[in-house]
């Protein structure tokens, strides 16, 4: 049964995880164009759901253990993808403090980073990304999700809600307010924030198809 779950998740990774945030960001850009622009962030209009692993309406293999395994596999898949994207973003955001302005919130976020390498002291955006990476790794550990690349230091886990993307919002707004559009550094950060909006920390809602007890009784008669 979990093989079927893994197969379904492979499609989410190949298509949804890459494309849904791009569609979200592109639509947000269009709404913010022109004289009648919305001038704001687009709320999530799409929720991903799946029934694989939750079809308890006659499937004898969809047990409680399978459901727990399904939810863990979903979280593992999306958390690892986030960490990969953050690692790539951190490599890109090497902007030096004396060459790029930063917001007050971004500066505070950078100061909380566990990255203490001397070479990174003047790179506030990279420091901030390292802090987000460390918090997400701590979140993965709390959910018993194995990760492949360790953080630069210890940090507190993120809240288990969609507000967990608040740090990425700080990164994105600082880049945009200081003239870094989506076509450059802010683009990667905006797509990371879009991932969080669309998928949260669970990837997809699990639809439970449960046959009522009375139906089971009838089928046995």
C-alpha atoms as a PDB file:
ATOM      1  CA  UNK A   1       0.000   0.000   0.000  1.00  0.00           C
ATOM      2  CA  UNK A   2       2.795   2.428   0.862  1.00  0.00           C
ATOM      3  CA  UNK A   3       4.302   1.658  -2.559  1.00  0.00           C
ATOM      4  CA  UNK A   4       1.153   3.158  -4.074  1.00  0.00           C
ATOM      5  CA  UNK A   5       1.582   6.210  -1.830  1.00  0.00           C
ATOM      6  CA  UNK A   6       5.209   6.604  -2.964  1.00  0.00           C
ATOM      7  CA  UNK A   7       4.126   6.397  -6.595  1.00  0.00           C
ATOM      8  CA  UNK A   8       1.557   9.149  -6.085  1.00  0.00           C
ATOM      9  CA  UNK A   9       4.085  11.347  -4.307  1.00  0.00           C
ATOM     10  CA  UNK A  10       6.517  11.005  -7.216  1.00  0.00           C
ATOM     11  CA  UNK A  11       4.002  12.820  -9.430  1.00  0.00           C
ATOM     12  CA  UNK A  12       3.598  15.584  -6.863  1.00  0.00           C
ATOM     13  CA  UNK A  13       7.356  16.118  -6.811  1.00  0.00           C
ATOM     14  CA  UNK A  14       7.814  16.007 -10.585  1.00  0.00           C
ATOM     15  CA  UNK A  15       4.967  18.382 -11.390  1.00  0.00           C
ATOM     16  CA  UNK A  16       3.162  20.095  -8.524  1.00  0.00           C
ATOM     17  CA  UNK A  17       6.088  21.092  -6.295  1.00  0.00           C
ATOM     18  CA  UNK A  18       7.810  22.876  -9.162  1.00  0.00           C
ATOM     19  CA  UNK A  19       4.902  24.322 -11.113  1.00  0.00           C
ATOM     20  CA  UNK A  20       2.210  25.308  -8.593  1.00  0.00           C
ATOM     21  CA  UNK A  21       4.393  27.988  -6.906  1.00  0.00           C
ATOM     22  CA  UNK A  22       5.363  29.361 -10.330  1.00  0.00           C
ATOM     23  CA  UNK A  23       1.705  29.697 -11.316  1.00  0.00           C
ATOM     24  CA  UNK A  24       0.947  31.327  -7.961  1.00  0.00           C
ATOM     25  CA  UNK A  25       3.791  33.863  -8.349  1.00  0.00           C
ATOM     26  CA  UNK A  26       2.927  34.611 -11.989  1.00  0.00           C
ATOM     27  CA  UNK A  27      -0.713  35.257 -11.143  1.00  0.00           C
ATOM     28  CA  UNK A  28       0.284  37.485  -8.225  1.00  0.00           C
ATOM     29  CA  UNK A  29       2.499  39.519 -10.591  1.00  0.00           C
ATOM     30  CA  UNK A  30      -0.331  39.957 -13.091  1.00  0.00           C
ATOM     31  CA  UNK A  31      -2.731  41.111 -10.391  1.00  0.00           C
ATOM     32  CA  UNK A  32      -0.180  43.693  -9.256  1.00  0.00           C
ATOM     33  CA  UNK A  33       0.234  45.213 -12.730  1.00  0.00           C
ATOM     34  CA  UNK A  34      -1.436  48.323 -14.117  1.00  0.00           C
ATOM     35  CA  UNK A  35      -3.405  51.171 -12.593  1.00  0.00           C
ATOM     36  CA  UNK A  36      -5.932  48.868 -10.919  1.00  0.00           C
ATOM     37  CA  UNK A  37      -3.331  46.619  -9.382  1.00  0.00           C
ATOM     38  CA  UNK A  38      -4.147  44.754  -6.196  1.00  0.00           C
ATOM     39  CA  UNK A  39      -0.766  45.769  -4.724  1.00  0.00           C
ATOM     40  CA  UNK A  40      -0.623  42.917  -2.312  1.00  0.00           C
ATOM     41  CA  UNK A  41       0.201  39.277  -1.804  1.00  0.00           C
ATOM     42  CA  UNK A  42      -2.061  36.651  -3.266  1.00  0.00           C
ATOM     43  CA  UNK A  43      -3.655  34.364  -0.720  1.00  0.00           C
ATOM     44  CA  UNK A  44      -3.522  30.662  -1.394  1.00  0.00           C
ATOM     45  CA  UNK A  45      -6.274  29.678  -3.826  1.00  0.00           C
ATOM     46  CA  UNK A  46      -5.230  26.069  -4.315  1.00  0.00           C
ATOM     47  CA  UNK A  47      -5.042  23.165  -1.895  1.00  0.00           C
ATOM     48  CA  UNK A  48      -3.529  19.838  -2.877  1.00  0.00           C
ATOM     49  CA  UNK A  49      -5.302  16.730  -1.655  1.00  0.00           C
ATOM     50  CA  UNK A  50      -4.955  12.969  -2.028  1.00  0.00           C
ATOM     51  CA  UNK A  51      -6.983   9.920  -1.087  1.00  0.00           C
ATOM     52  CA  UNK A  52      -4.113   7.433  -1.503  1.00  0.00           C
ATOM     53  CA  UNK A  53      -3.594   5.834   1.888  1.00  0.00           C
ATOM     54  CA  UNK A  54      -6.937   7.023   3.224  1.00  0.00           C
ATOM     55  CA  UNK A  55      -9.376   4.943   1.149  1.00  0.00           C
ATOM     56  CA  UNK A  56     -10.872   2.999   4.054  1.00  0.00           C
ATOM     57  CA  UNK A  57     -14.110   2.239   2.191  1.00  0.00           C
ATOM     58  CA  UNK A  58     -13.364  -1.395   1.492  1.00  0.00           C
ATOM     59  CA  UNK A  59      -9.605  -1.458   1.008  1.00  0.00           C
ATOM     60  CA  UNK A  60      -8.322  -3.889   3.657  1.00  0.00           C
ATOM     61  CA  UNK A  61      -4.766  -2.532   3.342  1.00  0.00           C
ATOM     62  CA  UNK A  62      -5.668   1.066   4.285  1.00  0.00           C
ATOM     63  CA  UNK A  63      -5.033   0.553   7.987  1.00  0.00           C
ATOM     64  CA  UNK A  64      -4.291   3.112  10.685  1.00  0.00           C
ATOM     65  CA  UNK A  65      -0.600   2.245  10.374  1.00  0.00           C
ATOM     66  CA  UNK A  66      -0.705   2.920   6.626  1.00  0.00           C
ATOM     67  CA  UNK A  67      -2.384   6.268   7.218  1.00  0.00           C
ATOM     68  CA  UNK A  68       0.309   7.306   9.681  1.00  0.00           C
ATOM     69  CA  UNK A  69       2.974   6.134   7.239  1.00  0.00           C
ATOM     70  CA  UNK A  70       1.317   8.112   4.432  1.00  0.00           C
ATOM     71  CA  UNK A  71       1.312  11.351   6.409  1.00  0.00           C
ATOM     72  CA  UNK A  72       4.949  10.869   7.399  1.00  0.00           C
ATOM     73  CA  UNK A  73       5.947  10.192   3.782  1.00  0.00           C
ATOM     74  CA  UNK A  74       4.158  13.345   2.650  1.00  0.00           C
ATOM     75  CA  UNK A  75       5.856  15.500   5.276  1.00  0.00           C
ATOM     76  CA  UNK A  76       9.217  13.934   4.513  1.00  0.00           C
ATOM     77  CA  UNK A  77       8.869  14.628   0.800  1.00  0.00           C
ATOM     78  CA  UNK A  78       7.922  18.299   1.163  1.00  0.00           C
ATOM     79  CA  UNK A  79      10.384  19.071   3.978  1.00  0.00           C
ATOM     80  CA  UNK A  80      13.296  17.633   2.029  1.00  0.00           C
ATOM     81  CA  UNK A  81      12.249  19.602  -1.037  1.00  0.00           C
ATOM     82  CA  UNK A  82      12.110  22.819   1.021  1.00  0.00           C
ATOM     83  CA  UNK A  83      15.589  22.155   2.368  1.00  0.00           C
ATOM     84  CA  UNK A  84      16.952  21.601  -1.136  1.00  0.00           C
ATOM     85  CA  UNK A  85      15.413  24.878  -2.314  1.00  0.00           C
ATOM     86  CA  UNK A  86      16.712  26.785   0.704  1.00  0.00           C
ATOM     87  CA  UNK A  87      20.211  25.404   0.194  1.00  0.00           C
ATOM     88  CA  UNK A  88      20.175  26.622  -3.412  1.00  0.00           C
ATOM     89  CA  UNK A  89      18.767  29.990  -2.336  1.00  0.00           C
ATOM     90  CA  UNK A  90      21.482  30.419   0.275  1.00  0.00           C
ATOM     91  CA  UNK A  91      24.139  29.819  -2.371  1.00  0.00           C
ATOM     92  CA  UNK A  92      22.594  32.543  -4.519  1.00  0.00           C
ATOM     93  CA  UNK A  93      22.035  35.185  -1.838  1.00  0.00           C
ATOM     94  CA  UNK A  94      25.630  36.204  -1.227  1.00  0.00           C
ATOM     95  CA  UNK A  95      24.776  39.917  -1.283  1.00  0.00           C
ATOM     96  CA  UNK A  96      27.172  41.897   0.877  1.00  0.00           C
ATOM     97  CA  UNK A  97      25.736  44.338   3.399  1.00  0.00           C
ATOM     98  CA  UNK A  98      27.744  47.240   1.985  1.00  0.00           C
ATOM     99  CA  UNK A  99      26.358  46.627  -1.516  1.00  0.00           C
ATOM    100  CA  UNK A 100      22.720  45.899  -0.724  1.00  0.00           C
ATOM    101  CA  UNK A 101      20.269  47.516   1.651  1.00  0.00           C
ATOM    102  CA  UNK A 102      18.302  45.318   4.022  1.00  0.00           C
ATOM    103  CA  UNK A 103      15.131  45.879   5.982  1.00  0.00           C
ATOM    104  CA  UNK A 104      15.059  46.171   9.754  1.00  0.00           C
ATOM    105  CA  UNK A 105      13.246  42.831  10.030  1.00  0.00           C
ATOM    106  CA  UNK A 106      15.777  41.131   7.758  1.00  0.00           C
ATOM    107  CA  UNK A 107      18.657  42.452   9.826  1.00  0.00           C
ATOM    108  CA  UNK A 108      17.031  41.065  12.985  1.00  0.00           C
ATOM    109  CA  UNK A 109      16.453  37.729  11.243  1.00  0.00           C
ATOM    110  CA  UNK A 110      20.117  37.581  10.221  1.00  0.00           C
ATOM    111  CA  UNK A 111      21.248  38.325  13.775  1.00  0.00           C
ATOM    112  CA  UNK A 112      19.301  35.300  15.037  1.00  0.00           C
ATOM    113  CA  UNK A 113      21.049  32.968  12.603  1.00  0.00           C
ATOM    114  CA  UNK A 114      23.227  30.199  14.087  1.00  0.00           C
ATOM    115  CA  UNK A 115      25.740  30.731  11.264  1.00  0.00           C
ATOM    116  CA  UNK A 116      28.781  32.272  12.961  1.00  0.00           C
ATOM    117  CA  UNK A 117      31.432  31.995  10.259  1.00  0.00           C
ATOM    118  CA  UNK A 118      33.518  35.139  10.008  1.00  0.00           C
ATOM    119  CA  UNK A 119      33.203  35.152   6.219  1.00  0.00           C
ATOM    120  CA  UNK A 120      29.404  35.366   6.490  1.00  0.00           C
ATOM    121  CA  UNK A 121      29.173  38.286   8.897  1.00  0.00           C
ATOM    122  CA  UNK A 122      28.687  40.765   6.068  1.00  0.00           C
ATOM    123  CA  UNK A 123      26.110  38.656   4.178  1.00  0.00           C
ATOM    124  CA  UNK A 124      22.779  39.289   5.946  1.00  0.00           C
ATOM    125  CA  UNK A 125      20.622  37.494   3.396  1.00  0.00           C
ATOM    126  CA  UNK A 126      22.735  34.340   3.507  1.00  0.00           C
ATOM    127  CA  UNK A 127      22.723  34.483   7.313  1.00  0.00           C
ATOM    128  CA  UNK A 128      18.934  34.741   7.304  1.00  0.00           C
ATOM    129  CA  UNK A 129      18.554  31.779   4.934  1.00  0.00           C
ATOM    130  CA  UNK A 130      20.889  29.710   7.120  1.00  0.00           C
ATOM    131  CA  UNK A 131      18.659  30.469  10.096  1.00  0.00           C
ATOM    132  CA  UNK A 132      15.510  29.404   8.223  1.00  0.00           C
ATOM    133  CA  UNK A 133      17.292  26.232   7.109  1.00  0.00           C
ATOM    134  CA  UNK A 134      18.303  25.430  10.692  1.00  0.00           C
ATOM    135  CA  UNK A 135      14.734  25.961  11.968  1.00  0.00           C
ATOM    136  CA  UNK A 136      13.285  23.776   9.232  1.00  0.00           C
ATOM    137  CA  UNK A 137      15.819  21.034   9.981  1.00  0.00           C
ATOM    138  CA  UNK A 138      14.766  21.172  13.644  1.00  0.00           C
ATOM    139  CA  UNK A 139      11.134  20.891  12.525  1.00  0.00           C
ATOM    140  CA  UNK A 140      12.014  17.837  10.440  1.00  0.00           C
ATOM    141  CA  UNK A 141      13.715  16.232  13.431  1.00  0.00           C
ATOM    142  CA  UNK A 142      10.624  16.831  15.557  1.00  0.00           C
ATOM    143  CA  UNK A 143       8.554  15.060  12.903  1.00  0.00           C
ATOM    144  CA  UNK A 144      11.091  12.197  12.781  1.00  0.00           C
ATOM    145  CA  UNK A 145      12.080  13.084   9.209  1.00  0.00           C
ATOM    146  CA  UNK A 146      15.655  12.268   8.210  1.00  0.00           C
ATOM    147  CA  UNK A 147      17.611  14.960   6.363  1.00  0.00           C
ATOM    148  CA  UNK A 148      20.771  14.639   4.299  1.00  0.00           C
ATOM    149  CA  UNK A 149      22.523  17.965   4.884  1.00  0.00           C
ATOM    150  CA  UNK A 150      23.002  19.243   8.461  1.00  0.00           C
ATOM    151  CA  UNK A 151      22.393  22.889   9.380  1.00  0.00           C
ATOM    152  CA  UNK A 152      25.173  25.266  10.393  1.00  0.00           C
ATOM    153  CA  UNK A 153      23.891  25.309  13.978  1.00  0.00           C
ATOM    154  CA  UNK A 154      20.971  24.584  16.271  1.00  0.00           C
ATOM    155  CA  UNK A 155      17.687  26.492  16.157  1.00  0.00           C
ATOM    156  CA  UNK A 156      14.126  26.198  17.462  1.00  0.00           C
ATOM    157  CA  UNK A 157      11.578  24.330  15.288  1.00  0.00           C
ATOM    158  CA  UNK A 158       9.062  26.286  13.237  1.00  0.00           C
ATOM    159  CA  UNK A 159       5.402  26.535  14.292  1.00  0.00           C
ATOM    160  CA  UNK A 160       3.271  23.762  12.848  1.00  0.00           C
ATOM    161  CA  UNK A 161       1.114  26.078  10.758  1.00  0.00           C
ATOM    162  CA  UNK A 162       1.239  28.118   7.565  1.00  0.00           C
ATOM    163  CA  UNK A 163       2.649  31.015   9.600  1.00  0.00           C
ATOM    164  CA  UNK A 164       5.927  29.080   9.445  1.00  0.00           C
ATOM    165  CA  UNK A 165       6.691  30.939   6.205  1.00  0.00           C
ATOM    166  CA  UNK A 166       6.922  34.293   8.025  1.00  0.00           C
ATOM    167  CA  UNK A 167      10.734  34.297   7.857  1.00  0.00           C
ATOM    168  CA  UNK A 168      10.659  33.791   4.095  1.00  0.00           C
ATOM    169  CA  UNK A 169       8.224  36.684   3.785  1.00  0.00           C
ATOM    170  CA  UNK A 170      10.754  38.899   5.576  1.00  0.00           C
ATOM    171  CA  UNK A 171      13.449  37.811   3.107  1.00  0.00           C
ATOM    172  CA  UNK A 172      11.249  38.410   0.081  1.00  0.00           C
ATOM    173  CA  UNK A 173       9.936  41.808   1.172  1.00  0.00           C
ATOM    174  CA  UNK A 174      13.427  43.061   1.969  1.00  0.00           C
ATOM    175  CA  UNK A 175      14.673  42.038  -1.481  1.00  0.00           C
ATOM    176  CA  UNK A 176      11.732  43.599  -3.304  1.00  0.00           C
ATOM    177  CA  UNK A 177      11.778  46.847  -1.291  1.00  0.00           C
ATOM    178  CA  UNK A 178      15.470  47.227  -2.117  1.00  0.00           C
ATOM    179  CA  UNK A 179      15.009  46.898  -5.877  1.00  0.00           C
ATOM    180  CA  UNK A 180      15.636  43.188  -6.356  1.00  0.00           C
ATOM    181  CA  UNK A 181      12.735  42.019  -8.519  1.00  0.00           C
ATOM    182  CA  UNK A 182      11.418  38.520  -9.138  1.00  0.00           C
ATOM    183  CA  UNK A 183      13.700  38.169 -12.136  1.00  0.00           C
ATOM    184  CA  UNK A 184      16.741  38.081  -9.858  1.00  0.00           C
ATOM    185  CA  UNK A 185      17.319  37.025  -6.247  1.00  0.00           C
ATOM    186  CA  UNK A 186      13.767  37.723  -5.097  1.00  0.00           C
ATOM    187  CA  UNK A 187      12.408  35.272  -7.644  1.00  0.00           C
ATOM    188  CA  UNK A 188      13.831  32.254  -5.842  1.00  0.00           C
ATOM    189  CA  UNK A 189      12.728  33.562  -2.482  1.00  0.00           C
ATOM    190  CA  UNK A 190       9.228  34.309  -3.794  1.00  0.00           C
ATOM    191  CA  UNK A 191       8.882  30.792  -5.164  1.00  0.00           C
ATOM    192  CA  UNK A 192      10.021  29.332  -1.824  1.00  0.00           C
ATOM    193  CA  UNK A 193       7.367  31.406  -0.069  1.00  0.00           C
ATOM    194  CA  UNK A 194       4.870  30.239  -2.684  1.00  0.00           C
ATOM    195  CA  UNK A 195       5.742  26.636  -1.857  1.00  0.00           C
ATOM    196  CA  UNK A 196       4.915  27.249   1.783  1.00  0.00           C
ATOM    197  CA  UNK A 197       1.605  28.933   0.881  1.00  0.00           C
ATOM    198  CA  UNK A 198       0.490  26.042  -1.317  1.00  0.00           C
ATOM    199  CA  UNK A 199       1.845  23.005   0.536  1.00  0.00           C
ATOM    200  CA  UNK A 200       2.430  23.946   4.173  1.00  0.00           C
ATOM    201  CA  UNK A 201       4.413  21.357   6.117  1.00  0.00           C
ATOM    202  CA  UNK A 202       2.165  18.437   5.168  1.00  0.00           C
ATOM    203  CA  UNK A 203       2.242  18.604   1.316  1.00  0.00           C
ATOM    204  CA  UNK A 204      -1.317  17.392   0.726  1.00  0.00           C
ATOM    205  CA  UNK A 205      -4.491  16.980   2.739  1.00  0.00           C
ATOM    206  CA  UNK A 206      -5.395  13.321   3.143  1.00  0.00           C
ATOM    207  CA  UNK A 207      -9.007  12.601   2.271  1.00  0.00           C
ATOM    208  CA  UNK A 208     -10.470   9.833   4.441  1.00  0.00           C
ATOM    209  CA  UNK A 209     -13.031   7.656   2.703  1.00  0.00           C
ATOM    210  CA  UNK A 210     -14.590   5.682   5.539  1.00  0.00           C
ATOM    211  CA  UNK A 211     -17.394   3.173   5.020  1.00  0.00           C
ATOM    212  CA  UNK A 212     -20.036   3.545   7.786  1.00  0.00           C
ATOM    213  CA  UNK A 213     -20.326   0.519  10.135  1.00  0.00           C
ATOM    214  CA  UNK A 214     -23.876  -0.140   8.962  1.00  0.00           C
ATOM    215  CA  UNK A 215     -22.640  -0.549   5.386  1.00  0.00           C
ATOM    216  CA  UNK A 216     -20.024  -3.057   6.505  1.00  0.00           C
ATOM    217  CA  UNK A 217     -22.714  -5.026   8.336  1.00  0.00           C
ATOM    218  CA  UNK A 218     -24.908  -5.114   5.251  1.00  0.00           C
ATOM    219  CA  UNK A 219     -22.083  -6.276   3.018  1.00  0.00           C
ATOM    220  CA  UNK A 220     -21.457  -9.216   5.345  1.00  0.00           C
ATOM    221  CA  UNK A 221     -25.119 -10.357   5.326  1.00  0.00           C
END
